[in-house]
Amino acid sequence: MADDFRLEVRSDPRFLRCIRHLVHEWVETCEMGSDATHEMVLAIDEACSNAIRHSYGGECDRFVELTLRSDDEFVEVRLCDQGDPCPPEHRERRVLEVPDPDRLEPGGLGVQLIHRAFDEVTFDTTRGQGNCIIMRRRRKP
């Protein structure tokens, strides 16, 4: 699978808009369809936001590396950082129940959104430092 884009982006939330725009245009170029485009852009935005908020604790002077790859079978997004590792219990796909609006609290749904948008989601913990989330979605035949 070839890299279509590889870039480092400062961990400043102001740049999330730029990432969303690039990802949107790339997914459209990959001809994934409008529903898939919307889901993937939202999920990647969430993954980037999580890296900034949780892995870097909101520090705006660090970097995330975003790699967008494609071939005839899959599109793949890799997001890597050098921050605090994501706890294992926050990586797993869960069956979500409809939340009670009176007890709804912020947080906790981002990783589930990522799992929903992609066919395969892997957290690579072999790098020794930071996080690398690999998100793959199968292309329709």
C-alpha atoms as a PDB file:
ATOM      1  CA  MET A   1       0.000   0.000   0.000  1.00  0.00           C
ATOM      2  CA  ALA A   2       1.452   3.360  -1.007  1.00  0.00           C
ATOM      3  CA  ASP A   3       1.405   6.539   1.062  1.00  0.00           C
ATOM      4  CA  ASP A   4      -0.801   9.165  -0.545  1.00  0.00           C
ATOM      5  CA  PHE A   5      -0.011  11.782   2.112  1.00  0.00           C
ATOM      6  CA  ARG A   6       2.251  11.871   5.146  1.00  0.00           C
ATOM      7  CA  LEU A   7       2.402  14.994   7.239  1.00  0.00           C
ATOM      8  CA  GLU A   8       3.274  16.239  10.673  1.00  0.00           C
ATOM      9  CA  VAL A   9       0.845  18.663  12.229  1.00  0.00           C
ATOM     10  CA  ARG A  10       1.395  20.674  15.386  1.00  0.00           C
ATOM     11  CA  SER A  11      -0.904  19.560  18.197  1.00  0.00           C
ATOM     12  CA  ASP A  12      -2.843  22.792  18.158  1.00  0.00           C
ATOM     13  CA  PRO A  13      -6.644  22.350  17.905  1.00  0.00           C
ATOM     14  CA  ARG A  14      -6.736  25.256  15.431  1.00  0.00           C
ATOM     15  CA  PHE A  15      -5.250  22.936  12.801  1.00  0.00           C
ATOM     16  CA  LEU A  16      -7.996  20.309  13.122  1.00  0.00           C
ATOM     17  CA  ARG A  17      -9.990  22.185  10.487  1.00  0.00           C
ATOM     18  CA  CYS A  18      -7.095  21.826   8.023  1.00  0.00           C
ATOM     19  CA  ILE A  19      -6.862  18.112   8.755  1.00  0.00           C
ATOM     20  CA  ARG A  20     -10.614  17.665   8.258  1.00  0.00           C
ATOM     21  CA  HIS A  21     -10.431  19.449   4.924  1.00  0.00           C
ATOM     22  CA  LEU A  22      -7.480  17.372   3.674  1.00  0.00           C
ATOM     23  CA  VAL A  23      -9.069  14.106   4.822  1.00  0.00           C
ATOM     24  CA  HIS A  24     -12.406  15.044   3.242  1.00  0.00           C
ATOM     25  CA  GLU A  25     -10.799  15.762  -0.125  1.00  0.00           C
ATOM     26  CA  TRP A  26      -8.669  12.593   0.053  1.00  0.00           C
ATOM     27  CA  VAL A  27     -11.606  10.309   0.922  1.00  0.00           C
ATOM     28  CA  GLU A  28     -13.638  11.831  -1.898  1.00  0.00           C
ATOM     29  CA  THR A  29     -10.714  11.217  -4.268  1.00  0.00           C
ATOM     30  CA  CYS A  30     -10.723   7.590  -3.115  1.00  0.00           C
ATOM     31  CA  GLU A  31     -14.396   7.421  -4.158  1.00  0.00           C
ATOM     32  CA  MET A  32     -15.673   6.008  -0.878  1.00  0.00           C
ATOM     33  CA  GLY A  33     -19.118   7.648  -1.090  1.00  0.00           C
ATOM     34  CA  SER A  34     -20.614  10.561   0.837  1.00  0.00           C
ATOM     35  CA  ASP A  35     -21.712   8.598   3.923  1.00  0.00           C
ATOM     36  CA  ALA A  36     -18.282   6.988   4.278  1.00  0.00           C
ATOM     37  CA  THR A  37     -16.604  10.348   3.736  1.00  0.00           C
ATOM     38  CA  HIS A  38     -18.611  11.975   6.523  1.00  0.00           C
ATOM     39  CA  GLU A  39     -18.038   9.071   8.949  1.00  0.00           C
ATOM     40  CA  MET A  40     -14.310   8.862   8.256  1.00  0.00           C
ATOM     41  CA  VAL A  41     -13.705  12.611   8.533  1.00  0.00           C
ATOM     42  CA  LEU A  42     -15.553  12.707  11.859  1.00  0.00           C
ATOM     43  CA  ALA A  43     -13.651   9.673  13.190  1.00  0.00           C
ATOM     44  CA  ILE A  44     -10.248  11.008  12.151  1.00  0.00           C
ATOM     45  CA  ASP A  45     -11.063  14.379  13.685  1.00  0.00           C
ATOM     46  CA  GLU A  46     -11.942  12.555  16.902  1.00  0.00           C
ATOM     47  CA  ALA A  47      -8.686  10.565  16.823  1.00  0.00           C
ATOM     48  CA  CYS A  48      -6.664  13.765  16.328  1.00  0.00           C
ATOM     49  CA  SER A  49      -8.607  15.539  19.086  1.00  0.00           C
ATOM     50  CA  ASN A  50      -7.972  12.609  21.437  1.00  0.00           C
ATOM     51  CA  ALA A  51      -4.231  12.758  20.719  1.00  0.00           C
ATOM     52  CA  ILE A  52      -4.145  16.460  21.505  1.00  0.00           C
ATOM     53  CA  ARG A  53      -6.436  16.347  24.530  1.00  0.00           C
ATOM     54  CA  HIS A  54      -5.430  13.084  26.178  1.00  0.00           C
ATOM     55  CA  SER A  55      -2.032  12.000  24.910  1.00  0.00           C
ATOM     56  CA  TYR A  56      -0.497  15.479  24.983  1.00  0.00           C
ATOM     57  CA  GLY A  57      -2.662  16.913  27.754  1.00  0.00           C
ATOM     58  CA  GLY A  58      -3.596  19.877  25.576  1.00  0.00           C
ATOM     59  CA  GLU A  59      -0.007  20.907  24.838  1.00  0.00           C
ATOM     60  CA  CYS A  60      -0.020  22.770  21.523  1.00  0.00           C
ATOM     61  CA  ASP A  61       3.704  22.545  20.743  1.00  0.00           C
ATOM     62  CA  ARG A  62       3.924  18.801  20.075  1.00  0.00           C
ATOM     63  CA  PHE A  63       3.266  17.000  16.774  1.00  0.00           C
ATOM     64  CA  VAL A  64       1.018  14.271  15.412  1.00  0.00           C
ATOM     65  CA  GLU A  65       1.913  12.370  12.267  1.00  0.00           C
ATOM     66  CA  LEU A  66      -0.922  11.600   9.884  1.00  0.00           C
ATOM     67  CA  THR A  67      -0.449   9.125   7.038  1.00  0.00           C
ATOM     68  CA  LEU A  68      -3.160   8.505   4.443  1.00  0.00           C
ATOM     69  CA  ARG A  69      -2.716   5.372   2.326  1.00  0.00           C
ATOM     70  CA  SER A  70      -4.765   3.551  -0.283  1.00  0.00           C
ATOM     71  CA  ASP A  71      -4.778   0.601  -2.620  1.00  0.00           C
ATOM     72  CA  ASP A  72      -7.447  -1.269  -4.570  1.00  0.00           C
ATOM     73  CA  GLU A  73      -8.805  -2.999  -1.450  1.00  0.00           C
ATOM     74  CA  PHE A  74      -8.503  -0.542   1.454  1.00  0.00           C
ATOM     75  CA  VAL A  75      -8.006   3.033   2.503  1.00  0.00           C
ATOM     76  CA  GLU A  76      -5.881   3.344   5.614  1.00  0.00           C
ATOM     77  CA  VAL A  77      -5.209   6.157   8.040  1.00  0.00           C
ATOM     78  CA  ARG A  78      -2.387   6.102  10.571  1.00  0.00           C
ATOM     79  CA  LEU A  79      -2.225   8.651  13.344  1.00  0.00           C
ATOM     80  CA  CYS A  80       0.840   8.589  15.573  1.00  0.00           C
ATOM     81  CA  ASP A  81       1.935  10.736  18.498  1.00  0.00           C
ATOM     82  CA  GLN A  82       4.710  10.714  21.084  1.00  0.00           C
ATOM     83  CA  GLY A  83       2.527  11.355  24.131  1.00  0.00           C
ATOM     84  CA  ASP A  84       1.088   9.369  26.999  1.00  0.00           C
ATOM     85  CA  PRO A  85      -0.127   5.925  25.955  1.00  0.00           C
ATOM     86  CA  CYS A  86      -3.826   5.281  25.618  1.00  0.00           C
ATOM     87  CA  PRO A  87      -5.007   2.958  28.417  1.00  0.00           C
ATOM     88  CA  PRO A  88      -5.933  -0.512  27.063  1.00  0.00           C
ATOM     89  CA  GLU A  89      -9.495  -0.270  28.383  1.00  0.00           C
ATOM     90  CA  HIS A  90     -10.076   2.789  26.175  1.00  0.00           C
ATOM     91  CA  ARG A  91      -9.022   1.033  22.951  1.00  0.00           C
ATOM     92  CA  GLU A  92     -11.611  -1.722  22.733  1.00  0.00           C
ATOM     93  CA  ARG A  93     -14.816  -1.715  20.747  1.00  0.00           C
ATOM     94  CA  ARG A  94     -17.839  -1.850  23.034  1.00  0.00           C
ATOM     95  CA  VAL A  95     -21.505  -2.437  22.462  1.00  0.00           C
ATOM     96  CA  LEU A  96     -23.045   0.907  23.195  1.00  0.00           C
ATOM     97  CA  GLU A  97     -26.408   1.377  24.768  1.00  0.00           C
ATOM     98  CA  VAL A  98     -28.503   4.443  24.059  1.00  0.00           C
ATOM     99  CA  PRO A  99     -27.425   6.901  26.753  1.00  0.00           C
ATOM    100  CA  ASP A 100     -29.883   8.331  29.233  1.00  0.00           C
ATOM    101  CA  PRO A 101     -29.954  12.087  28.435  1.00  0.00           C
ATOM    102  CA  ASP A 102     -30.254  12.905  32.152  1.00  0.00           C
ATOM    103  CA  ARG A 103     -27.020  11.017  32.913  1.00  0.00           C
ATOM    104  CA  LEU A 104     -25.057  11.874  29.788  1.00  0.00           C
ATOM    105  CA  GLU A 105     -21.498  13.032  30.470  1.00  0.00           C
ATOM    106  CA  PRO A 106     -18.908  14.265  27.987  1.00  0.00           C
ATOM    107  CA  GLY A 107     -16.299  11.836  26.695  1.00  0.00           C
ATOM    108  CA  GLY A 108     -16.038   8.114  26.200  1.00  0.00           C
ATOM    109  CA  LEU A 109     -17.664   7.822  22.780  1.00  0.00           C
ATOM    110  CA  GLY A 110     -14.810   8.917  20.499  1.00  0.00           C
ATOM    111  CA  VAL A 111     -13.074   5.552  20.178  1.00  0.00           C
ATOM    112  CA  GLN A 112     -16.435   3.906  19.550  1.00  0.00           C
ATOM    113  CA  LEU A 113     -17.086   6.391  16.765  1.00  0.00           C
ATOM    114  CA  ILE A 114     -13.726   5.427  15.250  1.00  0.00           C
ATOM    115  CA  HIS A 115     -14.605   1.709  15.458  1.00  0.00           C
ATOM    116  CA  ARG A 116     -17.923   2.406  13.764  1.00  0.00           C
ATOM    117  CA  ALA A 117     -16.400   4.346  10.854  1.00  0.00           C
ATOM    118  CA  PHE A 118     -13.669   1.816  10.058  1.00  0.00           C
ATOM    119  CA  ASP A 119     -13.680  -1.932   9.400  1.00  0.00           C
ATOM    120  CA  GLU A 120     -10.381  -2.462  11.230  1.00  0.00           C
ATOM    121  CA  VAL A 121      -8.953  -0.395  14.080  1.00  0.00           C
ATOM    122  CA  THR A 122      -5.600  -1.321  15.596  1.00  0.00           C
ATOM    123  CA  PHE A 123      -3.609   0.378  18.315  1.00  0.00           C
ATOM    124  CA  ASP A 124       0.066  -0.312  17.633  1.00  0.00           C
ATOM    125  CA  THR A 125       1.833  -0.450  20.973  1.00  0.00           C
ATOM    126  CA  THR A 126       5.130  -1.874  19.665  1.00  0.00           C
ATOM    127  CA  ARG A 127       6.724   1.518  19.072  1.00  0.00           C
ATOM    128  CA  GLY A 128       7.683   1.894  22.724  1.00  0.00           C
ATOM    129  CA  GLN A 129       6.482   5.482  23.117  1.00  0.00           C
ATOM    130  CA  GLY A 130       3.274   7.254  22.277  1.00  0.00           C
ATOM    131  CA  ASN A 131       0.351   5.931  20.305  1.00  0.00           C
ATOM    132  CA  CYS A 132      -0.249   4.836  16.757  1.00  0.00           C
ATOM    133  CA  ILE A 133      -3.801   4.088  15.705  1.00  0.00           C
ATOM    134  CA  ILE A 134      -4.274   2.359  12.351  1.00  0.00           C
ATOM    135  CA  MET A 135      -7.739   2.685  10.838  1.00  0.00           C
ATOM    136  CA  ARG A 136      -8.695   0.733   7.698  1.00  0.00           C
ATOM    137  CA  ARG A 137     -11.890   0.752   5.674  1.00  0.00           C
ATOM    138  CA  ARG A 138     -12.557  -1.660   2.860  1.00  0.00           C
ATOM    139  CA  ARG A 139     -13.345  -0.210  -0.535  1.00  0.00           C
ATOM    140  CA  LYS A 140     -16.583  -1.359  -2.047  1.00  0.00           C
ATOM    141  CA  PRO A 141     -16.132  -3.579  -5.103  1.00  0.00           C
END
